[in-house]
Amino acid sequence: MRQVKITVLKKHFYADLADAYLTEGKAVGPCPLLEEGDTFTYEGGAEMPPGFCPWAWIDIYRGVSALSAGATYTPWNNRDGMQILCCTDGIRPVIFAIEAIKEKEY
């Protein structure tokens, strides 16, 4: 199994959708749990990295686990061992780069 680096690439916030659909409207703002540039390392064993958003973890875990097991996403991605994923919050989504970085030593 390989370790996987998770990097927060972008955070988006759709204030118009927040006003239309959330009880607190645009006052909720963008995701409060993660910041652009944050990095986390997946060590294996289905363990969420400390400090990571539990909801986003549910959304991206399948891709993280696949990369850890050696999956490849070429020819779709121009770099092997890497994938771009996002959480499913449609009002304030967070976009992640996930990349296999090295074999875990046991």
C-alpha atoms as a PDB file:
ATOM      1  CA  MET A   1       0.000   0.000   0.000  1.00  0.00           C
ATOM      2  CA  ARG A   2       1.182   3.486  -0.802  1.00  0.00           C
ATOM      3  CA  GLN A   3       0.730   6.605   1.284  1.00  0.00           C
ATOM      4  CA  VAL A   4      -1.476   9.250  -0.319  1.00  0.00           C
ATOM      5  CA  LYS A   5      -1.015  12.990  -0.009  1.00  0.00           C
ATOM      6  CA  ILE A   6      -4.252  15.006   0.019  1.00  0.00           C
ATOM      7  CA  THR A   7      -3.976  18.718  -0.816  1.00  0.00           C
ATOM      8  CA  VAL A   8      -6.797  21.251  -0.691  1.00  0.00           C
ATOM      9  CA  LEU A   9      -6.623  22.997  -4.081  1.00  0.00           C
ATOM     10  CA  LYS A  10      -9.695  25.244  -4.072  1.00  0.00           C
ATOM     11  CA  LYS A  11     -12.688  26.230  -1.991  1.00  0.00           C
ATOM     12  CA  HIS A  12     -15.800  27.586  -3.655  1.00  0.00           C
ATOM     13  CA  PHE A  13     -18.878  29.249  -2.226  1.00  0.00           C
ATOM     14  CA  TYR A  14     -22.118  29.910  -4.060  1.00  0.00           C
ATOM     15  CA  ALA A  15     -23.814  32.665  -2.054  1.00  0.00           C
ATOM     16  CA  ASP A  16     -26.861  32.734  -4.343  1.00  0.00           C
ATOM     17  CA  LEU A  17     -27.511  29.043  -3.704  1.00  0.00           C
ATOM     18  CA  ALA A  18     -26.890  29.492   0.018  1.00  0.00           C
ATOM     19  CA  ASP A  19     -29.487  32.268   0.162  1.00  0.00           C
ATOM     20  CA  ALA A  20     -31.967  30.166  -1.780  1.00  0.00           C
ATOM     21  CA  TYR A  21     -31.531  26.877   0.086  1.00  0.00           C
ATOM     22  CA  LEU A  22     -29.860  27.208   3.489  1.00  0.00           C
ATOM     23  CA  THR A  23     -31.587  28.397   6.632  1.00  0.00           C
ATOM     24  CA  GLU A  24     -28.713  30.772   7.430  1.00  0.00           C
ATOM     25  CA  GLY A  25     -28.264  31.820   3.800  1.00  0.00           C
ATOM     26  CA  LYS A  26     -24.934  33.241   2.687  1.00  0.00           C
ATOM     27  CA  ALA A  27     -23.971  33.889   6.302  1.00  0.00           C
ATOM     28  CA  VAL A  28     -22.673  30.287   6.422  1.00  0.00           C
ATOM     29  CA  GLY A  29     -19.777  31.239   4.133  1.00  0.00           C
ATOM     30  CA  PRO A  30     -17.301  28.816   2.564  1.00  0.00           C
ATOM     31  CA  CYS A  31     -16.222  25.577   4.220  1.00  0.00           C
ATOM     32  CA  PRO A  32     -14.955  26.445   7.707  1.00  0.00           C
ATOM     33  CA  LEU A  33     -12.993  23.207   8.206  1.00  0.00           C
ATOM     34  CA  LEU A  34     -10.377  23.300   5.438  1.00  0.00           C
ATOM     35  CA  GLU A  35      -8.187  25.958   3.838  1.00  0.00           C
ATOM     36  CA  GLU A  36      -6.560  26.096   0.413  1.00  0.00           C
ATOM     37  CA  GLY A  37      -3.064  24.652   0.686  1.00  0.00           C
ATOM     38  CA  ASP A  38      -3.848  22.356   3.639  1.00  0.00           C
ATOM     39  CA  THR A  39      -2.201  18.943   3.249  1.00  0.00           C
ATOM     40  CA  PHE A  40      -2.937  15.602   4.856  1.00  0.00           C
ATOM     41  CA  THR A  41      -1.374  12.150   4.540  1.00  0.00           C
ATOM     42  CA  TYR A  42      -3.366   8.938   4.296  1.00  0.00           C
ATOM     43  CA  GLU A  43      -1.420   6.151   5.963  1.00  0.00           C
ATOM     44  CA  GLY A  44      -3.807   3.292   5.159  1.00  0.00           C
ATOM     45  CA  GLY A  45      -6.254   1.171   7.071  1.00  0.00           C
ATOM     46  CA  ALA A  46      -9.286   3.317   6.154  1.00  0.00           C
ATOM     47  CA  GLU A  47      -8.168   5.794   8.847  1.00  0.00           C
ATOM     48  CA  MET A  48      -9.135   9.385   8.115  1.00  0.00           C
ATOM     49  CA  PRO A  49      -6.113  11.701   8.473  1.00  0.00           C
ATOM     50  CA  PRO A  50      -6.232  13.767  11.684  1.00  0.00           C
ATOM     51  CA  GLY A  51      -7.937  17.137  11.203  1.00  0.00           C
ATOM     52  CA  PHE A  52      -9.634  16.167   7.948  1.00  0.00           C
ATOM     53  CA  CYS A  53     -13.333  16.864   7.334  1.00  0.00           C
ATOM     54  CA  PRO A  54     -15.368  13.688   8.014  1.00  0.00           C
ATOM     55  CA  TRP A  55     -17.942  14.521   5.331  1.00  0.00           C
ATOM     56  CA  ALA A  56     -15.277  15.140   2.687  1.00  0.00           C
ATOM     57  CA  TRP A  57     -13.546  11.929   3.767  1.00  0.00           C
ATOM     58  CA  ILE A  58     -16.669   9.927   2.952  1.00  0.00           C
ATOM     59  CA  ASP A  59     -16.738  11.575  -0.482  1.00  0.00           C
ATOM     60  CA  ILE A  60     -13.089  11.034  -1.476  1.00  0.00           C
ATOM     61  CA  TYR A  61     -12.154   7.856   0.407  1.00  0.00           C
ATOM     62  CA  ARG A  62     -12.810   5.526  -2.545  1.00  0.00           C
ATOM     63  CA  GLY A  63     -10.325   7.445  -4.714  1.00  0.00           C
ATOM     64  CA  VAL A  64      -7.750   7.700  -1.930  1.00  0.00           C
ATOM     65  CA  SER A  65      -8.006   3.978  -1.233  1.00  0.00           C
ATOM     66  CA  ALA A  66      -7.696   3.129  -4.931  1.00  0.00           C
ATOM     67  CA  LEU A  67      -4.519   5.204  -5.329  1.00  0.00           C
ATOM     68  CA  SER A  68      -3.104   3.654  -2.186  1.00  0.00           C
ATOM     69  CA  ALA A  69      -3.661   0.230  -3.749  1.00  0.00           C
ATOM     70  CA  GLY A  70      -1.901   1.236  -6.985  1.00  0.00           C
ATOM     71  CA  ALA A  71      -4.733   2.451  -9.232  1.00  0.00           C
ATOM     72  CA  THR A  72      -3.857   4.480 -12.289  1.00  0.00           C
ATOM     73  CA  TYR A  73      -5.938   7.201 -13.920  1.00  0.00           C
ATOM     74  CA  THR A  74      -4.017   7.580 -17.151  1.00  0.00           C
ATOM     75  CA  PRO A  75      -4.850   8.395 -19.897  1.00  0.00           C
ATOM     76  CA  TRP A  76      -7.467  10.662 -18.263  1.00  0.00           C
ATOM     77  CA  ASN A  77      -4.954  12.477 -16.056  1.00  0.00           C
ATOM     78  CA  ASN A  78      -1.627  13.754 -17.328  1.00  0.00           C
ATOM     79  CA  ARG A  79       0.161  12.536 -14.181  1.00  0.00           C
ATOM     80  CA  ASP A  80      -0.016   8.916 -13.102  1.00  0.00           C
ATOM     81  CA  GLY A  81      -0.766   8.269  -9.444  1.00  0.00           C
ATOM     82  CA  MET A  82      -2.841  11.420  -9.098  1.00  0.00           C
ATOM     83  CA  GLN A  83      -6.518  12.334  -9.207  1.00  0.00           C
ATOM     84  CA  ILE A  84      -8.605  15.470  -8.611  1.00  0.00           C
ATOM     85  CA  LEU A  85     -11.697  14.936  -6.441  1.00  0.00           C
ATOM     86  CA  CYS A  86     -14.146  17.085  -4.498  1.00  0.00           C
ATOM     87  CA  CYS A  87     -16.595  16.848  -1.663  1.00  0.00           C
ATOM     88  CA  THR A  88     -20.277  16.740  -2.541  1.00  0.00           C
ATOM     89  CA  ASP A  89     -21.302  19.971  -0.816  1.00  0.00           C
ATOM     90  CA  GLY A  90     -22.947  21.715  -3.759  1.00  0.00           C
ATOM     91  CA  ILE A  91     -23.013  25.124  -2.066  1.00  0.00           C
ATOM     92  CA  ARG A  92     -19.474  25.226  -0.669  1.00  0.00           C
ATOM     93  CA  PRO A  93     -17.446  22.486  -2.367  1.00  0.00           C
ATOM     94  CA  VAL A  94     -13.783  21.827  -1.681  1.00  0.00           C
ATOM     95  CA  ILE A  95     -11.530  20.436  -4.421  1.00  0.00           C
ATOM     96  CA  PHE A  96      -8.647  18.099  -3.588  1.00  0.00           C
ATOM     97  CA  ALA A  97      -5.558  16.792  -5.359  1.00  0.00           C
ATOM     98  CA  ILE A  98      -4.765  13.282  -4.200  1.00  0.00           C
ATOM     99  CA  GLU A  99      -1.477  11.664  -5.120  1.00  0.00           C
ATOM    100  CA  ALA A 100       0.298   8.462  -4.216  1.00  0.00           C
ATOM    101  CA  ILE A 101       3.612   9.435  -2.676  1.00  0.00           C
ATOM    102  CA  LYS A 102       5.477   6.381  -1.385  1.00  0.00           C
ATOM    103  CA  GLU A 103       5.196   2.843  -0.149  1.00  0.00           C
ATOM    104  CA  LYS A 104       4.230   2.589   3.497  1.00  0.00           C
ATOM    105  CA  GLU A 105       6.880   0.864   5.568  1.00  0.00           C
ATOM    106  CA  TYR A 106       5.534  -1.811   7.887  1.00  0.00           C
END
